[in-house]
Amino acid sequence: MEFVIVWLVCGGIAAMIASSKGGSGPIGFVVGLLFGPFGIIAAFFMGNEQKADAAKIAAGDSKKCPRCAELVKPDALVCKHCGHEFQAPKTKA
């Protein structure tokens, strides 16, 4: 019985951690429930990729492809994911 209680508590802790990191609380609960204490560790890695992508775009490290919405390097002329061709940057003469 104690085993079940410990696993439920691990699920709750993992849900809180995942939620605070911008991830999904219910998914964090399931991970914590299935993996117990290891699920708590896994919940630390459950974050929101959209925030990370927005930070990369704002920093100028990436740009988003208008066709497939994947991130590519800012100097790329062709998207490596879908083959979309970007307009060449205009150079100053």
PDB file of N, CA and C in Angstrom:
ATOM      1  N   MET A   1       0.817  -1.191   0.000  1.00  0.00           N
ATOM      2  CA  MET A   1       0.000   0.000   0.000  1.00  0.00           C
ATOM      3  C   MET A   1       0.864   1.258   0.000  1.00  0.00           C
ATOM      4  N   GLU A   2       1.960   1.199   0.740  1.00  0.00           N
ATOM      5  CA  GLU A   2       2.852   2.348   0.795  1.00  0.00           C
ATOM      6  C   GLU A   2       3.462   2.627  -0.584  1.00  0.00           C
ATOM      7  N   PHE A   3       3.678   1.548  -1.333  1.00  0.00           N
ATOM      8  CA  PHE A   3       4.240   1.663  -2.668  1.00  0.00           C
ATOM      9  C   PHE A   3       3.332   2.505  -3.569  1.00  0.00           C
ATOM     10  N   VAL A   4       2.050   2.283  -3.504  1.00  0.00           N
ATOM     11  CA  VAL A   4       1.075   3.023  -4.309  1.00  0.00           C
ATOM     12  C   VAL A   4       1.050   4.491  -3.893  1.00  0.00           C
ATOM     13  N   ILE A   5       1.100   4.739  -2.601  1.00  0.00           N
ATOM     14  CA  ILE A   5       1.076   6.113  -2.109  1.00  0.00           C
ATOM     15  C   ILE A   5       2.319   6.870  -2.573  1.00  0.00           C
ATOM     16  N   VAL A   6       3.473   6.221  -2.491  1.00  0.00           N
ATOM     17  CA  VAL A   6       4.723   6.860  -2.923  1.00  0.00           C
ATOM     18  C   VAL A   6       4.654   7.190  -4.411  1.00  0.00           C
ATOM     19  N   TRP A   7       4.121   6.267  -5.217  1.00  0.00           N
ATOM     20  CA  TRP A   7       4.039   6.500  -6.658  1.00  0.00           C
ATOM     21  C   TRP A   7       3.037   7.613  -6.974  1.00  0.00           C
ATOM     22  N   LEU A   8       1.936   7.708  -6.240  1.00  0.00           N
ATOM     23  CA  LEU A   8       0.980   8.800  -6.428  1.00  0.00           C
ATOM     24  C   LEU A   8       1.603  10.149  -6.054  1.00  0.00           C
ATOM     25  N   VAL A   9       2.365  10.163  -4.975  1.00  0.00           N
ATOM     26  CA  VAL A   9       3.052  11.389  -4.565  1.00  0.00           C
ATOM     27  C   VAL A   9       4.083  11.791  -5.626  1.00  0.00           C
ATOM     28  N   CYS A  10       4.807  10.817  -6.158  1.00  0.00           N
ATOM     29  CA  CYS A  10       5.776  11.106  -7.223  1.00  0.00           C
ATOM     30  C   CYS A  10       5.062  11.677  -8.442  1.00  0.00           C
ATOM     31  N   GLY A  11       3.881  11.147  -8.747  1.00  0.00           N
ATOM     32  CA  GLY A  11       3.099  11.681  -9.859  1.00  0.00           C
ATOM     33  C   GLY A  11       2.700  13.123  -9.622  1.00  0.00           C
ATOM     34  N   GLY A  12       2.276  13.435  -8.404  1.00  0.00           N
ATOM     35  CA  GLY A  12       1.889  14.803  -8.069  1.00  0.00           C
ATOM     36  C   GLY A  12       3.058  15.770  -8.134  1.00  0.00           C
ATOM     37  N   ILE A  13       4.190  15.350  -7.613  1.00  0.00           N
ATOM     38  CA  ILE A  13       5.387  16.197  -7.646  1.00  0.00           C
ATOM     39  C   ILE A  13       5.836  16.428  -9.090  1.00  0.00           C
ATOM     40  N   ALA A  14       5.834  15.356  -9.893  1.00  0.00           N
ATOM     41  CA  ALA A  14       6.237  15.485 -11.298  1.00  0.00           C
ATOM     42  C   ALA A  14       5.280  16.401 -12.047  1.00  0.00           C
ATOM     43  N   ALA A  15       3.982  16.340 -11.732  1.00  0.00           N
ATOM     44  CA  ALA A  15       3.001  17.216 -12.389  1.00  0.00           C
ATOM     45  C   ALA A  15       3.268  18.672 -12.049  1.00  0.00           C
ATOM     46  N   MET A  16       3.578  18.955 -10.794  1.00  0.00           N
ATOM     47  CA  MET A  16       3.863  20.335 -10.394  1.00  0.00           C
ATOM     48  C   MET A  16       5.133  20.857 -11.064  1.00  0.00           C
ATOM     49  N   ILE A  17       6.158  20.024 -11.132  1.00  0.00           N
ATOM     50  CA  ILE A  17       7.414  20.437 -11.750  1.00  0.00           C
ATOM     51  C   ILE A  17       7.211  20.698 -13.243  1.00  0.00           C
ATOM     52  N   ALA A  18       6.540  19.764 -13.921  1.00  0.00           N
ATOM     53  CA  ALA A  18       6.315  19.924 -15.358  1.00  0.00           C
ATOM     54  C   ALA A  18       5.490  21.173 -15.644  1.00  0.00           C
ATOM     55  N   SER A  19       4.487  21.413 -14.828  1.00  0.00           N
ATOM     56  CA  SER A  19       3.635  22.584 -15.018  1.00  0.00           C
ATOM     57  C   SER A  19       4.420  23.879 -14.806  1.00  0.00           C
ATOM     58  N   SER A  20       5.284  23.899 -13.807  1.00  0.00           N
ATOM     59  CA  SER A  20       6.069  25.109 -13.542  1.00  0.00           C
ATOM     60  C   SER A  20       7.104  25.369 -14.631  1.00  0.00           C
ATOM     61  N   LYS A  21       7.519  24.340 -15.351  1.00  0.00           N
ATOM     62  CA  LYS A  21       8.486  24.487 -16.442  1.00  0.00           C
ATOM     63  C   LYS A  21       7.808  24.843 -17.758  1.00  0.00           C
ATOM     64  N   GLY A  22       6.465  24.976 -17.746  1.00  0.00           N
ATOM     65  CA  GLY A  22       5.749  25.301 -18.966  1.00  0.00           C
ATOM     66  C   GLY A  22       5.252  24.092 -19.716  1.00  0.00           C
ATOM     67  N   GLY A  23       5.444  22.910 -19.154  1.00  0.00           N
ATOM     68  CA  GLY A  23       4.977  21.685 -19.786  1.00  0.00           C
ATOM     69  C   GLY A  23       3.570  21.341 -19.345  1.00  0.00           C
ATOM     70  N   SER A  24       3.150  20.150 -19.663  1.00  0.00           N
ATOM     71  CA  SER A  24       1.809  19.683 -19.342  1.00  0.00           C
ATOM     72  C   SER A  24       1.799  18.998 -17.976  1.00  0.00           C
ATOM     73  N   GLY A  25       0.962  19.500 -17.074  1.00  0.00           N
ATOM     74  CA  GLY A  25       0.831  18.906 -15.749  1.00  0.00           C
ATOM     75  C   GLY A  25       0.322  17.479 -15.784  1.00  0.00           C
ATOM     76  N   PRO A  26      -0.766  17.188 -16.547  1.00  0.00           N
ATOM     77  CA  PRO A  26      -1.259  15.804 -16.606  1.00  0.00           C
ATOM     78  C   PRO A  26      -0.239  14.819 -17.168  1.00  0.00           C
ATOM     79  N   ILE A  27       0.516  15.248 -18.162  1.00  0.00           N
ATOM     80  CA  ILE A  27       1.538  14.348 -18.699  1.00  0.00           C
ATOM     81  C   ILE A  27       2.628  14.135 -17.659  1.00  0.00           C
ATOM     82  N   GLY A  28       2.988  15.190 -16.932  1.00  0.00           N
ATOM     83  CA  GLY A  28       3.960  15.050 -15.849  1.00  0.00           C
ATOM     84  C   GLY A  28       3.474  14.079 -14.779  1.00  0.00           C
ATOM     85  N   PHE A  29       2.164  14.128 -14.478  1.00  0.00           N
ATOM     86  CA  PHE A  29       1.603  13.209 -13.488  1.00  0.00           C
ATOM     87  C   PHE A  29       1.738  11.764 -13.961  1.00  0.00           C
ATOM     88  N   VAL A  30       1.412  11.519 -15.221  1.00  0.00           N
ATOM     89  CA  VAL A  30       1.497  10.150 -15.757  1.00  0.00           C
ATOM     90  C   VAL A  30       2.941   9.667 -15.747  1.00  0.00           C
ATOM     91  N   VAL A  31       3.876  10.534 -16.132  1.00  0.00           N
ATOM     92  CA  VAL A  31       5.291  10.154 -16.126  1.00  0.00           C
ATOM     93  C   VAL A  31       5.742   9.823 -14.702  1.00  0.00           C
ATOM     94  N   GLY A  32       5.354  10.675 -13.746  1.00  0.00           N
ATOM     95  CA  GLY A  32       5.716  10.423 -12.355  1.00  0.00           C
ATOM     96  C   GLY A  32       5.062   9.164 -11.807  1.00  0.00           C
ATOM     97  N   LEU A  33       3.842   8.920 -12.224  1.00  0.00           N
ATOM     98  CA  LEU A  33       3.121   7.730 -11.768  1.00  0.00           C
ATOM     99  C   LEU A  33       3.757   6.469 -12.317  1.00  0.00           C
ATOM    100  N   LEU A  34       4.156   6.503 -13.576  1.00  0.00           N
ATOM    101  CA  LEU A  34       4.739   5.313 -14.192  1.00  0.00           C
ATOM    102  C   LEU A  34       6.173   5.045 -13.752  1.00  0.00           C
ATOM    103  N   PHE A  35       6.951   6.106 -13.562  1.00  0.00           N
ATOM    104  CA  PHE A  35       8.377   5.925 -13.291  1.00  0.00           C
ATOM    105  C   PHE A  35       8.798   6.285 -11.877  1.00  0.00           C
ATOM    106  N   GLY A  36       7.859   6.720 -11.054  1.00  0.00           N
ATOM    107  CA  GLY A  36       8.156   7.018  -9.657  1.00  0.00           C
ATOM    108  C   GLY A  36       9.194   8.114  -9.506  1.00  0.00           C
ATOM    109  N   PRO A  37      10.200   7.895  -8.673  1.00  0.00           N
ATOM    110  CA  PRO A  37      11.223   8.923  -8.456  1.00  0.00           C
ATOM    111  C   PRO A  37      11.964   9.322  -9.736  1.00  0.00           C
ATOM    112  N   PHE A  38      12.102   8.394 -10.669  1.00  0.00           N
ATOM    113  CA  PHE A  38      12.754   8.723 -11.938  1.00  0.00           C
ATOM    114  C   PHE A  38      11.869   9.640 -12.773  1.00  0.00           C
ATOM    115  N   GLY A  39      10.554   9.547 -12.578  1.00  0.00           N
ATOM    116  CA  GLY A  39       9.627  10.438 -13.260  1.00  0.00           C
ATOM    117  C   GLY A  39       9.774  11.875 -12.797  1.00  0.00           C
ATOM    118  N   ILE A  40      10.130  12.057 -11.532  1.00  0.00           N
ATOM    119  CA  ILE A  40      10.367  13.408 -11.013  1.00  0.00           C
ATOM    120  C   ILE A  40      11.562  14.023 -11.726  1.00  0.00           C
ATOM    121  N   ILE A  41      12.603  13.241 -11.921  1.00  0.00           N
ATOM    122  CA  ILE A  41      13.785  13.725 -12.634  1.00  0.00           C
ATOM    123  C   ILE A  41      13.420  14.037 -14.080  1.00  0.00           C
ATOM    124  N   ALA A  42      12.632  13.187 -14.706  1.00  0.00           N
ATOM    125  CA  ALA A  42      12.230  13.411 -16.100  1.00  0.00           C
ATOM    126  C   ALA A  42      11.380  14.668 -16.235  1.00  0.00           C
ATOM    127  N   ALA A  43      10.606  14.990 -15.210  1.00  0.00           N
ATOM    128  CA  ALA A  43       9.734  16.172 -15.273  1.00  0.00           C
ATOM    129  C   ALA A  43      10.535  17.465 -15.378  1.00  0.00           C
ATOM    130  N   PHE A  44      11.764  17.467 -14.896  1.00  0.00           N
ATOM    131  CA  PHE A  44      12.603  18.657 -15.009  1.00  0.00           C
ATOM    132  C   PHE A  44      12.928  18.978 -16.466  1.00  0.00           C
ATOM    133  N   PHE A  45      12.855  17.979 -17.331  1.00  0.00           N
ATOM    134  CA  PHE A  45      13.183  18.165 -18.737  1.00  0.00           C
ATOM    135  C   PHE A  45      11.957  18.413 -19.595  1.00  0.00           C
ATOM    136  N   MET A  46      10.784  18.446 -18.977  1.00  0.00           N
ATOM    137  CA  MET A  46       9.543  18.681 -19.716  1.00  0.00           C
ATOM    138  C   MET A  46       9.276  20.175 -19.737  1.00  0.00           C
ATOM    139  N   GLY A  47       9.632  20.820 -20.817  1.00  0.00           N
ATOM    140  CA  GLY A  47       9.446  22.259 -20.927  1.00  0.00           C
ATOM    141  C   GLY A  47       8.652  22.618 -22.161  1.00  0.00           C
ATOM    142  N   ASN A  48       8.434  23.864 -22.331  1.00  0.00           N
ATOM    143  CA  ASN A  48       7.686  24.363 -23.464  1.00  0.00           C
ATOM    144  C   ASN A  48       8.649  24.740 -24.577  1.00  0.00           C
ATOM    145  N   GLU A  49       8.614  24.004 -25.666  1.00  0.00           N
ATOM    146  CA  GLU A  49       9.524  24.265 -26.767  1.00  0.00           C
ATOM    147  C   GLU A  49       9.203  25.570 -27.477  1.00  0.00           C
ATOM    148  N   GLN A  50       7.954  25.994 -27.422  1.00  0.00           N
ATOM    149  CA  GLN A  50       7.581  27.235 -28.096  1.00  0.00           C
ATOM    150  C   GLN A  50       8.304  28.424 -27.485  1.00  0.00           C
ATOM    151  N   LYS A  51       8.466  28.438 -26.176  1.00  0.00           N
ATOM    152  CA  LYS A  51       9.185  29.530 -25.530  1.00  0.00           C
ATOM    153  C   LYS A  51      10.653  29.511 -25.945  1.00  0.00           C
ATOM    154  N   ALA A  52      11.228  28.325 -26.022  1.00  0.00           N
ATOM    155  CA  ALA A  52      12.630  28.207 -26.419  1.00  0.00           C
ATOM    156  C   ALA A  52      12.810  28.646 -27.872  1.00  0.00           C
ATOM    157  N   ASP A  53      11.867  28.260 -28.736  1.00  0.00           N
ATOM    158  CA  ASP A  53      11.939  28.663 -30.140  1.00  0.00           C
ATOM    159  C   ASP A  53      11.816  30.178 -30.279  1.00  0.00           C
ATOM    160  N   ALA A  54      10.895  30.773 -29.528  1.00  0.00           N
ATOM    161  CA  ALA A  54      10.708  32.227 -29.590  1.00  0.00           C
ATOM    162  C   ALA A  54      11.972  32.951 -29.133  1.00  0.00           C
ATOM    163  N   ALA A  55      12.651  32.403 -28.138  1.00  0.00           N
ATOM    164  CA  ALA A  55      13.886  33.012 -27.651  1.00  0.00           C
ATOM    165  C   ALA A  55      14.985  32.934 -28.717  1.00  0.00           C
ATOM    166  N   LYS A  56      15.049  31.822 -29.439  1.00  0.00           N
ATOM    167  CA  LYS A  56      16.052  31.681 -30.500  1.00  0.00           C
ATOM    168  C   LYS A  56      15.791  32.664 -31.636  1.00  0.00           C
ATOM    169  N   ILE A  57      14.504  32.848 -31.968  1.00  0.00           N
ATOM    170  CA  ILE A  57      14.160  33.778 -33.037  1.00  0.00           C
ATOM    171  C   ILE A  57      14.476  35.216 -32.608  1.00  0.00           C
ATOM    172  N   ALA A  58      14.109  35.560 -31.370  1.00  0.00           N
ATOM    173  CA  ALA A  58      14.352  36.914 -30.863  1.00  0.00           C
ATOM    174  C   ALA A  58      15.846  37.227 -30.794  1.00  0.00           C
ATOM    175  N   ALA A  59      16.660  36.220 -30.479  1.00  0.00           N
ATOM    176  CA  ALA A  59      18.101  36.425 -30.381  1.00  0.00           C
ATOM    177  C   ALA A  59      18.769  36.477 -31.759  1.00  0.00           C
ATOM    178  N   GLY A  60      18.028  36.120 -32.806  1.00  0.00           N
ATOM    179  CA  GLY A  60      18.593  36.124 -34.150  1.00  0.00           C
ATOM    180  C   GLY A  60      19.355  34.866 -34.484  1.00  0.00           C
ATOM    181  N   ASP A  61      19.211  33.816 -33.655  1.00  0.00           N
ATOM    182  CA  ASP A  61      19.914  32.565 -33.897  1.00  0.00           C
ATOM    183  C   ASP A  61      19.187  31.678 -34.900  1.00  0.00           C
ATOM    184  N   SER A  62      17.900  31.942 -35.137  1.00  0.00           N
ATOM    185  CA  SER A  62      17.090  31.123 -36.031  1.00  0.00           C
ATOM    186  C   SER A  62      16.008  31.968 -36.664  1.00  0.00           C
ATOM    187  N   LYS A  63      15.415  31.409 -37.724  1.00  0.00           N
ATOM    188  CA  LYS A  63      14.213  31.994 -38.312  1.00  0.00           C
ATOM    189  C   LYS A  63      13.252  30.844 -38.591  1.00  0.00           C
ATOM    190  N   LYS A  64      11.967  31.176 -38.662  1.00  0.00           N
ATOM    191  CA  LYS A  64      10.947  30.145 -38.839  1.00  0.00           C
ATOM    192  C   LYS A  64      10.561  30.075 -40.311  1.00  0.00           C
ATOM    193  N   CYS A  65      10.521  28.873 -40.850  1.00  0.00           N
ATOM    194  CA  CYS A  65      10.109  28.651 -42.223  1.00  0.00           C
ATOM    195  C   CYS A  65       8.612  28.938 -42.341  1.00  0.00           C
ATOM    196  N   PRO A  66       8.205  29.751 -43.316  1.00  0.00           N
ATOM    197  CA  PRO A  66       6.783  30.053 -43.449  1.00  0.00           C
ATOM    198  C   PRO A  66       5.945  28.892 -43.968  1.00  0.00           C
ATOM    199  N   ARG A  67       6.593  27.883 -44.549  1.00  0.00           N
ATOM    200  CA  ARG A  67       5.834  26.767 -45.100  1.00  0.00           C
ATOM    201  C   ARG A  67       5.669  25.623 -44.106  1.00  0.00           C
ATOM    202  N   CYS A  68       6.737  25.248 -43.397  1.00  0.00           N
ATOM    203  CA  CYS A  68       6.630  24.095 -42.489  1.00  0.00           C
ATOM    204  C   CYS A  68       6.743  24.477 -41.015  1.00  0.00           C
ATOM    205  N   ALA A  69       7.057  25.743 -40.727  1.00  0.00           N
ATOM    206  CA  ALA A  69       7.149  26.278 -39.360  1.00  0.00           C
ATOM    207  C   ALA A  69       8.291  25.690 -38.546  1.00  0.00           C
ATOM    208  N   GLU A  70       9.265  25.091 -39.189  1.00  0.00           N
ATOM    209  CA  GLU A  70      10.447  24.593 -38.489  1.00  0.00           C
ATOM    210  C   GLU A  70      11.486  25.708 -38.408  1.00  0.00           C
ATOM    211  N   LEU A  71      12.364  25.623 -37.408  1.00  0.00           N
ATOM    212  CA  LEU A  71      13.429  26.610 -37.277  1.00  0.00           C
ATOM    213  C   LEU A  71      14.604  26.249 -38.172  1.00  0.00           C
ATOM    214  N   VAL A  72      15.157  27.261 -38.821  1.00  0.00           N
ATOM    215  CA  VAL A  72      16.355  27.089 -39.639  1.00  0.00           C
ATOM    216  C   VAL A  72      17.330  28.208 -39.294  1.00  0.00           C
ATOM    217  N   LYS A  73      18.552  28.055 -39.707  1.00  0.00           N
ATOM    218  CA  LYS A  73      19.562  29.078 -39.439  1.00  0.00           C
ATOM    219  C   LYS A  73      19.202  30.359 -40.177  1.00  0.00           C
ATOM    220  N   PRO A  74      19.555  31.500 -39.610  1.00  0.00           N
ATOM    221  CA  PRO A  74      19.145  32.769 -40.225  1.00  0.00           C
ATOM    222  C   PRO A  74      19.744  33.018 -41.609  1.00  0.00           C
ATOM    223  N   ASP A  75      20.882  32.421 -41.908  1.00  0.00           N
ATOM    224  CA  ASP A  75      21.529  32.621 -43.206  1.00  0.00           C
ATOM    225  C   ASP A  75      21.078  31.613 -44.258  1.00  0.00           C
ATOM    226  N   ALA A  76      20.207  30.686 -43.889  1.00  0.00           N
ATOM    227  CA  ALA A  76      19.777  29.647 -44.818  1.00  0.00           C
ATOM    228  C   ALA A  76      18.969  30.234 -45.966  1.00  0.00           C
ATOM    229  N   LEU A  77      19.233  29.722 -47.156  1.00  0.00           N
ATOM    230  CA  LEU A  77      18.474  30.133 -48.331  1.00  0.00           C
ATOM    231  C   LEU A  77      17.409  29.096 -48.689  1.00  0.00           C
ATOM    232  N   VAL A  78      17.584  27.858 -48.184  1.00  0.00           N
ATOM    233  CA  VAL A  78      16.633  26.777 -48.428  1.00  0.00           C
ATOM    234  C   VAL A  78      16.366  26.075 -47.103  1.00  0.00           C
ATOM    235  N   CYS A  79      15.090  25.825 -46.807  1.00  0.00           N
ATOM    236  CA  CYS A  79      14.725  25.110 -45.578  1.00  0.00           C
ATOM    237  C   CYS A  79      15.165  23.656 -45.682  1.00  0.00           C
ATOM    238  N   LYS A  80      15.885  23.183 -44.691  1.00  0.00           N
ATOM    239  CA  LYS A  80      16.384  21.804 -44.714  1.00  0.00           C
ATOM    240  C   LYS A  80      15.269  20.793 -44.452  1.00  0.00           C
ATOM    241  N   HIS A  81      14.127  21.255 -43.981  1.00  0.00           N
ATOM    242  CA  HIS A  81      13.034  20.348 -43.648  1.00  0.00           C
ATOM    243  C   HIS A  81      12.074  20.131 -44.822  1.00  0.00           C
ATOM    244  N   CYS A  82      11.742  21.221 -45.540  1.00  0.00           N
ATOM    245  CA  CYS A  82      10.724  21.104 -46.599  1.00  0.00           C
ATOM    246  C   CYS A  82      11.194  21.590 -47.965  1.00  0.00           C
ATOM    247  N   GLY A  83      12.362  22.226 -48.029  1.00  0.00           N
ATOM    248  CA  GLY A  83      12.885  22.690 -49.302  1.00  0.00           C
ATOM    249  C   GLY A  83      12.397  24.073 -49.726  1.00  0.00           C
ATOM    250  N   HIS A  84      11.689  24.767 -48.844  1.00  0.00           N
ATOM    251  CA  HIS A  84      11.217  26.124 -49.167  1.00  0.00           C
ATOM    252  C   HIS A  84      12.422  27.026 -49.420  1.00  0.00           C
ATOM    253  N   GLU A  85      12.329  27.817 -50.486  1.00  0.00           N
ATOM    254  CA  GLU A  85      13.422  28.735 -50.814  1.00  0.00           C
ATOM    255  C   GLU A  85      13.102  30.115 -50.267  1.00  0.00           C
ATOM    256  N   PHE A  86      14.015  30.638 -49.473  1.00  0.00           N
ATOM    257  CA  PHE A  86      13.879  31.981 -48.914  1.00  0.00           C
ATOM    258  C   PHE A  86      14.429  32.988 -49.909  1.00  0.00           C
ATOM    259  N   GLN A  87      13.952  34.211 -49.806  1.00  0.00           N
ATOM    260  CA  GLN A  87      14.497  35.269 -50.648  1.00  0.00           C
ATOM    261  C   GLN A  87      15.899  35.588 -50.151  1.00  0.00           C
ATOM    262  N   ALA A  88      16.788  35.805 -51.106  1.00  0.00           N
ATOM    263  CA  ALA A  88      18.166  36.139 -50.747  1.00  0.00           C
ATOM    264  C   ALA A  88      18.172  37.484 -50.035  1.00  0.00           C
ATOM    265  N   PRO A  89      18.954  37.601 -48.974  1.00  0.00           N
ATOM    266  CA  PRO A  89      19.014  38.896 -48.281  1.00  0.00           C
ATOM    267  C   PRO A  89      19.607  39.964 -49.189  1.00  0.00           C
ATOM    268  N   LYS A  90      19.023  41.139 -49.102  1.00  0.00           N
ATOM    269  CA  LYS A  90      19.510  42.242 -49.936  1.00  0.00           C
ATOM    270  C   LYS A  90      20.786  42.796 -49.328  1.00  0.00           C
ATOM    271  N   THR A  91      21.797  42.887 -50.143  1.00  0.00           N
ATOM    272  CA  THR A  91      23.086  43.406 -49.678  1.00  0.00           C
ATOM    273  C   THR A  91      23.159  44.881 -49.999  1.00  0.00           C
ATOM    274  N   LYS A  92      23.851  45.579 -49.143  1.00  0.00           N
ATOM    275  CA  LYS A  92      24.054  47.019 -49.350  1.00  0.00           C
ATOM    276  C   LYS A  92      25.224  47.217 -50.298  1.00  0.00           C
ATOM    277  N   ALA A  93      25.024  48.044 -51.309  1.00  0.00           N
ATOM    278  CA  ALA A  93      26.078  48.262 -52.297  1.00  0.00           C
ATOM    279  C   ALA A  93      26.977  49.400 -51.916  1.00  0.00           C
TER     280      ALA A  93
END
